[in-house]
Amino acid sequence: MSINKVVKSFDEAVADIFDGAIILMGGFGPANGTPSNLLRALVKQGARNLTLVANTPGYGRPAPGTRAFRKTPPDYDDGGLLIQTGQVSKAICAFPGMSRPGMTAPLHEKLDAGELEVEMIPQGTLAERIRAAKAGVAAFFIPTGAGTIFEEGKETRVIDGRNNVLEYPLKADFALIRAYKADRYGNLVYQGTSRNFNPVMAGAAKVTIAEVDELVPLGELDPEVIVTPGIYVDRVAVRQNSVKGA
């Protein structure tokens, strides 16, 4: 039987995400690295009590009549949407968003209301904990956070004259990532700034689901530009009207 990881819809792609799942969400900010269609499908699917792991959950959707403070693509949604709908019980992130006059990040609102637990992790440590889960690394020492609140309750060790903090892999149930092109094997290439947290998250979860702009025939992707081999990808969902071939 030939390998074909392409699913029919974004709804199908996230159908088995269960209550209490740990979700890795690719993307860095309002650039083209966020799996917006998968997030909208997950809102529709309704799984709750989720743990959302991301560089930043984002700001969700602004209230009607509120002007967005930054430029985003017309079809953009971020993980803040899941927080707004009450589907997230814990957020693990490096940047929680900011509060500005007339605009508050959903993370802050839910945290202040006692409806959300938030764990802050230095950005490099977050990336490395995810990479460790992907690589099968049991634990690692890192100097980031040593001597700060980030080392509280953790083992420390002096290595090469520097204090280091013991960190563990950040394992997840599902990774929702965004790529530019894919073939039906799940090989992925990225475009511009989408090559941020997406490649490191691919394969760091039990199930990796990739939202892509274009599906191309086997053999069309130059092996030299494939960043994520298909072995790390379980499902591919293609944005509407983007299928070039199979």
Protein backbone atom coordinates (compact mmCIF):
# COMPACT_ATOMS: atom_id res chain seq x y z
CA MET A 1 0.00 0.00 0.00
CA SER A 2 1.39 3.40 -0.97
CA ILE A 3 2.02 5.98 1.70
CA ASN A 4 -0.34 8.92 1.66
CA LYS A 5 -0.47 11.12 4.75
CA VAL A 6 -2.79 13.69 3.23
CA VAL A 7 -6.17 14.00 4.97
CA LYS A 8 -9.32 15.37 3.38
CA SER A 9 -9.87 18.31 5.69
CA PHE A 10 -8.59 20.22 8.69
CA ASP A 11 -11.55 18.88 10.66
CA GLU A 12 -10.41 15.32 9.94
CA ALA A 13 -6.85 16.21 10.85
CA VAL A 14 -7.74 17.20 14.43
CA ALA A 15 -10.70 14.89 15.00
CA ASP A 16 -8.92 12.66 17.51
CA ILE A 17 -7.44 15.39 19.71
CA PHE A 18 -8.77 14.52 23.13
CA ASP A 19 -9.61 16.44 26.30
CA GLY A 20 -6.49 17.03 28.38
CA ALA A 21 -4.08 16.71 25.44
CA ILE A 22 -0.75 18.55 25.34
CA ILE A 23 -0.52 20.56 22.12
CA LEU A 24 2.60 22.02 20.50
CA MET A 25 1.71 25.00 18.29
CA GLY A 26 4.21 26.19 15.71
CA GLY A 27 4.80 29.81 14.84
CA PHE A 28 6.68 32.75 16.29
CA GLY A 29 4.19 35.61 16.01
CA PRO A 30 1.86 37.02 13.35
CA ALA A 31 3.98 35.75 10.45
CA ASN A 32 3.12 32.84 8.17
CA GLY A 33 4.26 30.16 10.57
CA THR A 34 1.06 29.65 12.55
CA PRO A 35 -1.29 26.74 11.67
CA SER A 36 -4.41 28.93 11.68
CA ASN A 37 -6.71 26.47 9.90
CA LEU A 38 -5.82 23.64 12.26
CA LEU A 39 -6.49 25.94 15.22
CA ARG A 40 -9.90 26.95 13.87
CA ALA A 41 -10.73 23.29 13.30
CA LEU A 42 -9.74 22.50 16.88
CA VAL A 43 -12.01 25.27 18.15
CA LYS A 44 -14.84 23.69 16.18
CA GLN A 45 -13.92 20.20 17.41
CA GLY A 46 -14.20 21.40 21.01
CA ALA A 47 -11.48 19.50 22.94
CA ARG A 48 -11.00 21.09 26.35
CA ASN A 49 -8.59 21.17 29.28
CA LEU A 50 -5.72 21.46 26.79
CA THR A 51 -2.13 22.38 27.57
CA LEU A 52 -0.91 24.73 24.85
CA VAL A 53 2.84 24.95 24.26
CA ALA A 54 4.03 27.78 22.02
CA ASN A 55 6.55 30.57 21.76
CA THR A 56 3.56 32.83 22.35
CA PRO A 57 -0.11 31.83 22.45
CA GLY A 58 -1.03 35.09 20.71
CA TYR A 59 -3.90 37.53 21.05
CA GLY A 60 -6.84 35.62 19.67
CA ARG A 61 -9.50 37.65 17.89
CA PRO A 62 -10.00 41.33 18.79
CA ALA A 63 -13.42 42.47 19.92
CA PRO A 64 -15.70 43.75 17.14
CA GLY A 65 -14.80 47.30 16.25
CA THR A 66 -11.36 47.03 17.82
CA ARG A 67 -8.46 47.84 15.55
CA ALA A 68 -5.67 45.29 15.53
CA PHE A 69 -2.38 46.76 16.77
CA ARG A 70 -0.31 44.82 14.24
CA LYS A 71 -0.64 43.66 10.67
CA THR A 72 -1.62 40.02 10.15
CA PRO A 73 -2.67 37.93 7.14
CA PRO A 74 -6.42 38.07 6.40
CA ASP A 75 -6.93 34.42 7.39
CA TYR A 76 -4.77 34.57 10.51
CA ASP A 77 -5.74 33.08 13.86
CA ASP A 78 -3.43 32.13 16.70
CA GLY A 79 -3.54 30.04 19.86
CA GLY A 80 -5.12 32.90 21.75
CA LEU A 81 -8.35 31.83 20.08
CA LEU A 82 -8.26 28.54 22.01
CA ILE A 83 -7.70 30.47 25.22
CA GLN A 84 -10.62 32.79 24.46
CA THR A 85 -12.94 29.82 23.98
CA GLY A 86 -11.90 28.36 27.33
CA GLN A 87 -10.37 25.23 25.81
CA VAL A 88 -6.92 25.77 27.36
CA SER A 89 -6.29 25.13 31.05
CA LYS A 90 -2.51 25.62 30.94
CA ALA A 91 -0.21 27.63 28.68
CA ILE A 92 3.52 27.01 28.45
CA CYS A 93 5.28 29.81 26.61
CA ALA A 94 8.23 32.18 26.34
CA PHE A 95 6.21 35.34 25.66
CA PRO A 96 2.76 35.78 27.24
CA GLY A 97 1.76 38.81 25.19
CA MET A 98 1.31 42.36 26.38
CA SER A 99 -1.56 44.44 27.67
CA ARG A 100 -2.10 47.76 25.94
CA PRO A 101 -4.81 50.42 26.27
CA GLY A 102 -7.98 48.90 24.87
CA MET A 103 -6.35 45.52 24.29
CA THR A 104 -5.50 42.68 26.66
CA ALA A 105 -4.08 39.32 25.68
CA PRO A 106 -6.52 36.46 26.44
CA LEU A 107 -3.77 34.80 28.46
CA HIS A 108 -3.71 37.74 30.89
CA GLU A 109 -7.49 37.86 31.16
CA LYS A 110 -7.84 34.14 31.93
CA LEU A 111 -4.87 34.20 34.30
CA ASP A 112 -6.30 37.15 36.25
CA ALA A 113 -9.65 35.36 36.43
CA GLY A 114 -8.03 32.23 37.86
CA GLU A 115 -9.06 30.20 34.82
CA LEU A 116 -5.60 29.53 33.36
CA GLU A 117 -2.27 28.22 34.63
CA VAL A 118 0.79 29.75 32.97
CA GLU A 119 4.34 28.40 32.92
CA MET A 120 7.01 30.72 31.56
CA ILE A 121 10.16 29.26 29.98
CA PRO A 122 13.10 31.16 28.45
CA GLN A 123 12.76 30.99 24.67
CA GLY A 124 15.97 29.03 24.01
CA THR A 125 15.18 26.61 26.81
CA LEU A 126 11.69 26.10 25.39
CA ALA A 127 13.11 25.25 21.96
CA GLU A 128 15.71 22.92 23.45
CA ARG A 129 13.20 21.09 25.66
CA ILE A 130 11.07 20.45 22.58
CA ARG A 131 14.11 19.38 20.56
CA ALA A 132 15.11 17.01 23.37
CA ALA A 133 11.69 15.35 23.18
CA LYS A 134 12.18 14.91 19.44
CA ALA A 135 15.72 13.54 19.80
CA GLY A 136 15.01 11.22 22.70
CA VAL A 137 17.31 13.09 25.08
CA ALA A 138 16.49 12.12 28.67
CA ALA A 139 17.53 15.45 30.24
CA PHE A 140 20.12 18.19 29.80
CA PHE A 141 21.90 20.95 31.68
CA ILE A 142 21.69 24.53 30.42
CA PRO A 143 23.06 27.79 31.88
CA THR A 144 20.00 29.80 30.91
CA GLY A 145 17.98 30.71 33.99
CA ALA A 146 20.67 29.83 36.49
CA GLY A 147 20.56 32.14 39.47
CA THR A 148 17.02 33.30 38.65
CA ILE A 149 13.49 32.19 39.52
CA PHE A 150 13.73 29.68 36.66
CA GLU A 151 16.06 27.44 38.70
CA GLU A 152 13.75 27.20 41.70
CA GLY A 153 13.08 23.58 42.60
CA LYS A 154 15.49 22.27 39.94
CA GLU A 155 18.79 20.46 40.18
CA THR A 156 21.82 22.62 39.41
CA ARG A 157 25.41 21.78 38.59
CA VAL A 158 28.59 23.73 37.89
CA ILE A 159 29.96 22.82 34.46
CA ASP A 160 33.04 24.54 33.02
CA GLY A 161 32.84 27.08 35.80
CA ARG A 162 29.21 28.06 35.06
CA ASN A 163 26.04 27.26 36.95
CA ASN A 164 23.63 25.12 34.94
CA VAL A 165 20.03 24.06 35.44
CA LEU A 166 18.71 20.57 34.76
CA GLU A 167 15.82 20.59 32.29
CA TYR A 168 13.66 17.77 30.93
CA PRO A 169 12.09 17.15 27.49
CA LEU A 170 8.76 18.78 26.81
CA LYS A 171 6.76 15.90 25.36
CA ALA A 172 3.36 16.39 23.74
CA ASP A 173 0.44 14.43 22.35
CA PHE A 174 -0.03 16.49 19.19
CA ALA A 175 2.06 19.01 17.27
CA LEU A 176 0.22 21.47 15.01
CA ILE A 177 2.72 23.00 12.61
CA ARG A 178 2.74 25.12 9.44
CA ALA A 179 4.87 24.53 6.34
CA TYR A 180 4.99 25.82 2.78
CA LYS A 181 5.07 22.69 0.59
CA ALA A 182 4.65 18.98 1.18
CA ASP A 183 4.38 15.75 -0.75
CA ARG A 184 2.14 12.86 0.21
CA TYR A 185 4.97 11.25 2.18
CA GLY A 186 4.93 14.24 4.53
CA ASN A 187 8.27 15.74 3.50
CA LEU A 188 8.14 19.45 4.31
CA VAL A 189 9.80 22.66 3.17
CA TYR A 190 9.24 26.04 4.81
CA GLN A 191 9.05 29.61 3.62
CA GLY A 192 10.70 32.59 5.27
CA THR A 193 9.96 33.05 8.94
CA SER A 194 7.78 29.93 9.17
CA ARG A 195 11.05 28.09 9.75
CA ASN A 196 11.05 28.95 13.43
CA PHE A 197 9.49 26.61 15.99
CA ASN A 198 7.78 24.49 13.33
CA PRO A 199 10.71 22.22 12.35
CA VAL A 200 11.74 21.51 15.93
CA MET A 201 8.15 20.66 16.91
CA ALA A 202 7.73 18.22 14.02
CA GLY A 203 8.35 14.81 15.58
CA ALA A 204 8.36 16.05 19.18
CA ALA A 205 4.80 14.82 19.72
CA LYS A 206 3.11 11.45 19.38
CA VAL A 207 1.22 12.84 16.37
CA THR A 208 2.49 15.65 14.13
CA ILE A 209 -0.05 17.38 11.90
CA ALA A 210 1.21 19.76 9.21
CA GLU A 211 -0.85 22.51 7.61
CA VAL A 212 0.66 23.32 4.22
CA ASP A 213 0.09 25.83 1.45
CA GLU A 214 0.82 23.48 -1.42
CA LEU A 215 0.87 19.75 -2.09
CA VAL A 216 3.29 18.71 -4.82
CA PRO A 217 3.97 15.40 -6.60
CA LEU A 218 6.54 12.99 -5.22
CA GLY A 219 10.02 13.86 -6.45
CA GLU A 220 9.32 17.54 -7.01
CA LEU A 221 10.81 18.67 -3.70
CA ASP A 222 14.56 19.14 -3.90
CA PRO A 223 16.04 16.85 -1.21
CA GLU A 224 18.50 19.65 -0.36
CA VAL A 225 15.67 21.95 0.77
CA ILE A 226 13.55 19.43 2.67
CA VAL A 227 13.84 20.58 6.28
CA THR A 228 11.45 18.09 7.89
CA PRO A 229 11.61 14.54 6.51
CA GLY A 230 8.29 12.74 6.25
CA ILE A 231 9.23 10.28 8.99
CA TYR A 232 8.47 13.06 11.50
CA VAL A 233 5.02 13.86 10.05
CA ASP A 234 1.84 11.85 10.53
CA ARG A 235 -0.78 13.95 8.71
CA VAL A 236 -0.80 16.65 6.07
CA ALA A 237 -3.74 19.04 5.65
CA VAL A 238 -3.69 21.30 2.61
CA ARG A 239 -5.06 24.83 2.55
CA GLN A 240 -8.00 25.22 0.17
CA ASN A 241 -7.23 25.53 -3.56
CA SER A 242 -3.56 24.80 -2.92
CA VAL A 243 -3.29 21.28 -4.33
CA LYS A 244 -0.85 21.13 -7.25
CA GLY A 245 -0.52 17.37 -7.43
CA ALA A 246 -0.29 14.20 -5.40
